[in-house]
Amino acid sequence: MLNRYARAFFARVMTPVARLLLRLGVSPDVVTLLGTVGVCAGALAFFPRGEFFWGTIVITCFVFSDMLDGNMARQSGRSSQWGAWLDSSTDRAGDAAIFVGIAWWWFHGGHDDLLGGLALAGLVIGSLVSYVKARAEGLGMRADVGVMERSDRLVTILLGTGFSGLGVPYVQALALWIVAIGAAFTVVQRTLLVRRQALAARLTPEG
């Protein structure tokens, strides 16, 4: 949902930065990898210690590379299947680090197994959201619907975690519930869409 409203704005903001990096000879793949390393480092260095605010700040500084590398690839005319694959694969690594870092804190430092379990649920179900879409596209169908896509999950959990780091009570717990339930609902939405397409293809006469 956030994709529809935010991508156009951030594309305008990122375009001059992308152009400058290309002039400096920086590759889009390098930006992708550095962004992922930064996200993983921020999540795994800060979140397991309960330092949610500064961890969120570090992650946010790097997470915009997800839009910057694509902008660079389009401007340079170097968009490729490899770049798309690398971008999607590293996204999964960054997401995993964020949710694992949160879960680690709640299982060990925070001593709340429910919130730790919700963090793991957000990771697993969120990965399933992406897999359902990728598998559908691999079979020639679409599964691009849903109330909780990756950007929605990322914004929700980072806002909740950041405000939790500032001492706002219950906000991270609320974010974890929203992500887990919203991602599960998105899986159902995508499953139903794929099912309708599969049935329609089966009923369509050949030739």
Protein backbone atom coordinates (compact mmCIF):
# COMPACT_ATOMS: atom_id res chain seq x y z
CA MET A 1 0.00 0.00 0.00
CA LEU A 2 2.78 2.44 0.87
CA ASN A 3 4.43 1.68 -2.48
CA ARG A 4 1.71 3.56 -4.35
CA TYR A 5 2.18 6.79 -2.45
CA ALA A 6 5.83 6.86 -1.47
CA ARG A 7 7.81 5.51 -4.41
CA ALA A 8 7.20 8.49 -6.72
CA PHE A 9 8.30 10.93 -4.00
CA PHE A 10 11.44 9.01 -3.05
CA ALA A 11 12.32 8.50 -6.71
CA ARG A 12 12.50 12.28 -7.15
CA VAL A 13 14.60 12.63 -4.00
CA MET A 14 16.97 9.79 -4.89
CA THR A 15 17.54 10.71 -8.54
CA PRO A 16 20.21 13.41 -7.95
CA VAL A 17 22.02 11.18 -5.44
CA ALA A 18 21.95 8.25 -7.85
CA ARG A 19 23.28 10.44 -10.65
CA LEU A 20 26.18 11.63 -8.45
CA LEU A 21 27.15 8.09 -7.44
CA LEU A 22 27.13 6.97 -11.06
CA ARG A 23 29.43 9.85 -11.98
CA LEU A 24 31.78 8.70 -9.22
CA GLY A 25 31.85 5.23 -10.78
CA VAL A 26 29.85 3.47 -8.05
CA SER A 27 28.00 0.35 -9.19
CA PRO A 28 24.34 -0.25 -8.25
CA ASP A 29 25.36 -3.71 -6.99
CA VAL A 30 27.84 -2.12 -4.58
CA VAL A 31 25.09 0.11 -3.18
CA THR A 32 22.83 -2.93 -2.78
CA LEU A 33 25.47 -4.89 -0.87
CA LEU A 34 26.60 -1.97 1.31
CA GLY A 35 23.00 -1.17 2.17
CA THR A 36 22.35 -4.75 3.22
CA VAL A 37 25.52 -4.90 5.32
CA GLY A 38 24.52 -1.65 7.02
CA VAL A 39 21.00 -2.84 7.78
CA CYS A 40 22.23 -6.18 9.14
CA ALA A 41 24.95 -4.54 11.21
CA GLY A 42 22.56 -1.97 12.67
CA ALA A 43 19.95 -4.58 13.53
CA LEU A 44 22.29 -7.19 15.00
CA ALA A 45 24.57 -4.77 16.84
CA PHE A 46 21.84 -2.71 18.54
CA PHE A 47 18.55 -4.62 18.75
CA PRO A 48 19.80 -7.66 20.73
CA ARG A 49 20.97 -5.21 23.42
CA GLY A 50 17.61 -3.43 23.53
CA GLU A 51 19.00 -0.26 21.92
CA PHE A 52 16.01 0.15 19.68
CA PHE A 53 16.21 3.87 18.92
CA TRP A 54 19.80 4.01 17.69
CA GLY A 55 19.42 0.71 15.91
CA THR A 56 16.44 2.10 14.03
CA ILE A 57 18.36 5.24 13.11
CA VAL A 58 21.26 3.22 11.68
CA ILE A 59 18.94 0.89 9.77
CA THR A 60 16.93 3.79 8.34
CA CYS A 61 20.11 5.41 7.03
CA PHE A 62 20.89 2.28 5.03
CA VAL A 63 17.43 1.05 4.09
CA PHE A 64 16.99 3.75 1.45
CA SER A 65 19.66 2.03 -0.62
CA ASP A 66 16.85 -0.30 -1.67
CA MET A 67 15.43 2.54 -3.77
CA LEU A 68 18.77 4.13 -4.62
CA ASP A 69 20.28 1.08 -6.35
CA GLY A 70 17.24 0.62 -8.57
CA ASN A 71 17.31 4.29 -9.52
CA MET A 72 20.99 3.98 -10.40
CA ALA A 73 20.37 0.90 -12.52
CA ARG A 74 17.62 2.64 -14.50
CA GLN A 75 19.68 5.79 -15.08
CA SER A 76 22.71 3.80 -16.23
CA GLY A 77 20.65 1.45 -18.39
CA ARG A 78 22.13 -1.49 -16.50
CA SER A 79 18.92 -2.98 -15.14
CA SER A 80 19.30 -6.75 -15.34
CA GLN A 81 17.95 -10.02 -14.08
CA TRP A 82 21.05 -10.34 -11.91
CA GLY A 83 20.43 -6.96 -10.30
CA ALA A 84 16.77 -7.78 -9.65
CA TRP A 85 17.71 -11.12 -8.12
CA LEU A 86 20.43 -9.58 -5.96
CA ASP A 87 18.12 -6.84 -4.75
CA SER A 88 15.33 -9.26 -3.77
CA SER A 89 17.72 -11.70 -2.12
CA THR A 90 19.50 -9.08 -0.03
CA ASP A 91 16.13 -7.63 1.02
CA ARG A 92 15.34 -10.96 2.65
CA ALA A 93 18.67 -10.89 4.51
CA GLY A 94 18.04 -7.39 5.83
CA ASP A 95 14.49 -8.23 6.93
CA ALA A 96 15.72 -11.35 8.69
CA ALA A 97 18.35 -9.40 10.62
CA ILE A 98 15.77 -6.85 11.82
CA PHE A 99 13.29 -9.41 13.12
CA VAL A 100 15.95 -11.74 14.51
CA GLY A 101 17.54 -8.83 16.40
CA ILE A 102 14.18 -7.91 17.94
CA ALA A 103 13.38 -11.53 18.77
CA TRP A 104 16.81 -12.03 20.35
CA TRP A 105 16.21 -9.14 22.73
CA TRP A 106 12.78 -10.31 23.83
CA PHE A 107 13.85 -13.93 24.30
CA HIS A 108 16.98 -13.01 26.29
CA GLY A 109 17.22 -9.43 27.57
CA GLY A 110 13.55 -8.47 27.57
CA HIS A 111 12.26 -11.82 28.86
CA ASP A 112 9.00 -11.75 26.91
CA ASP A 113 8.54 -14.92 24.89
CA LEU A 114 5.28 -13.68 23.35
CA LEU A 115 6.92 -10.65 21.74
CA GLY A 116 9.91 -12.76 20.70
CA GLY A 117 7.55 -15.23 19.08
CA LEU A 118 5.68 -12.42 17.33
CA ALA A 119 8.97 -11.13 15.90
CA LEU A 120 9.74 -14.58 14.51
CA ALA A 121 6.18 -14.87 13.18
CA GLY A 122 6.62 -11.55 11.39
CA LEU A 123 9.83 -12.85 9.82
CA VAL A 124 8.41 -16.20 8.72
CA ILE A 125 5.05 -14.96 7.47
CA GLY A 126 6.66 -11.94 5.81
CA SER A 127 9.01 -14.27 3.92
CA LEU A 128 5.98 -16.32 2.88
CA VAL A 129 4.35 -13.18 1.47
CA SER A 130 7.34 -12.67 -0.81
CA TYR A 131 7.60 -16.36 -1.72
CA VAL A 132 3.93 -16.60 -2.72
CA LYS A 133 4.39 -13.70 -5.12
CA ALA A 134 7.65 -15.02 -6.58
CA ARG A 135 6.24 -18.52 -7.05
CA ALA A 136 3.09 -17.19 -8.74
CA GLU A 137 5.14 -15.08 -11.13
CA GLY A 138 7.31 -18.10 -11.90
CA LEU A 139 4.15 -19.92 -12.98
CA GLY A 140 3.01 -17.03 -15.17
CA MET A 141 0.45 -15.60 -12.75
CA ARG A 142 0.35 -12.49 -10.60
CA ALA A 143 0.10 -12.11 -6.83
CA ASP A 144 0.73 -8.41 -6.32
CA VAL A 145 -2.14 -7.66 -3.93
CA GLY A 146 -2.15 -7.34 -0.17
CA VAL A 147 -2.53 -4.97 2.75
CA MET A 148 0.97 -5.62 4.14
CA GLU A 149 3.69 -5.68 1.51
CA ARG A 150 7.39 -5.49 2.38
CA SER A 151 7.54 -1.69 2.57
CA ASP A 152 4.47 -1.64 4.84
CA ARG A 153 6.02 -4.24 7.15
CA LEU A 154 9.35 -2.42 7.23
CA VAL A 155 7.88 1.01 7.99
CA THR A 156 5.54 -0.41 10.64
CA ILE A 157 8.20 -2.34 12.54
CA LEU A 158 10.82 0.40 12.33
CA LEU A 159 8.41 3.09 13.53
CA GLY A 160 7.22 0.90 16.37
CA THR A 161 10.76 -0.09 17.34
CA GLY A 162 12.12 3.43 17.09
CA PHE A 163 9.40 4.91 19.30
CA SER A 164 9.84 2.01 21.72
CA GLY A 165 13.48 3.04 22.00
CA LEU A 166 12.28 6.51 23.01
CA GLY A 167 10.26 5.02 25.84
CA VAL A 168 6.80 4.98 24.26
CA PRO A 169 5.05 1.97 25.88
CA TYR A 170 3.35 -0.85 23.95
CA VAL A 171 4.09 0.65 20.52
CA GLN A 172 6.52 -2.06 19.44
CA ALA A 173 4.17 -4.79 20.63
CA LEU A 174 1.40 -3.19 18.58
CA ALA A 175 3.67 -3.01 15.54
CA LEU A 176 4.60 -6.69 15.90
CA TRP A 177 0.93 -7.70 16.08
CA ILE A 178 0.08 -5.55 13.04
CA VAL A 179 2.91 -7.02 10.98
CA ALA A 180 2.12 -10.63 11.89
CA ILE A 181 -1.63 -10.33 11.30
CA GLY A 182 -1.30 -8.10 8.23
CA ALA A 183 1.28 -10.40 6.62
CA ALA A 184 -0.90 -13.45 7.27
CA PHE A 185 -3.89 -11.70 5.72
CA THR A 186 -1.76 -10.74 2.71
CA VAL A 187 -0.78 -14.39 2.21
CA VAL A 188 -4.48 -15.28 2.17
CA GLN A 189 -5.24 -12.48 -0.31
CA ARG A 190 -2.48 -13.60 -2.66
CA THR A 191 -3.43 -17.25 -2.34
CA LEU A 192 -7.03 -16.51 -3.31
CA LEU A 193 -5.89 -14.41 -6.28
CA VAL A 194 -3.62 -17.19 -7.54
CA ARG A 195 -6.40 -19.73 -7.03
CA ARG A 196 -8.81 -17.66 -9.14
CA GLN A 197 -6.26 -17.31 -11.93
CA ALA A 198 -5.47 -21.04 -11.88
CA LEU A 199 -9.17 -21.94 -12.08
CA ALA A 200 -9.77 -19.44 -14.89
CA ALA A 201 -6.84 -20.86 -16.88
CA ARG A 202 -8.16 -24.39 -16.44
CA LEU A 203 -11.64 -23.41 -17.64
CA THR A 204 -10.40 -21.42 -20.65
CA PRO A 205 -10.68 -23.52 -23.87
CA GLU A 206 -7.37 -24.06 -25.62
CA GLY A 207 -6.98 -22.57 -29.09
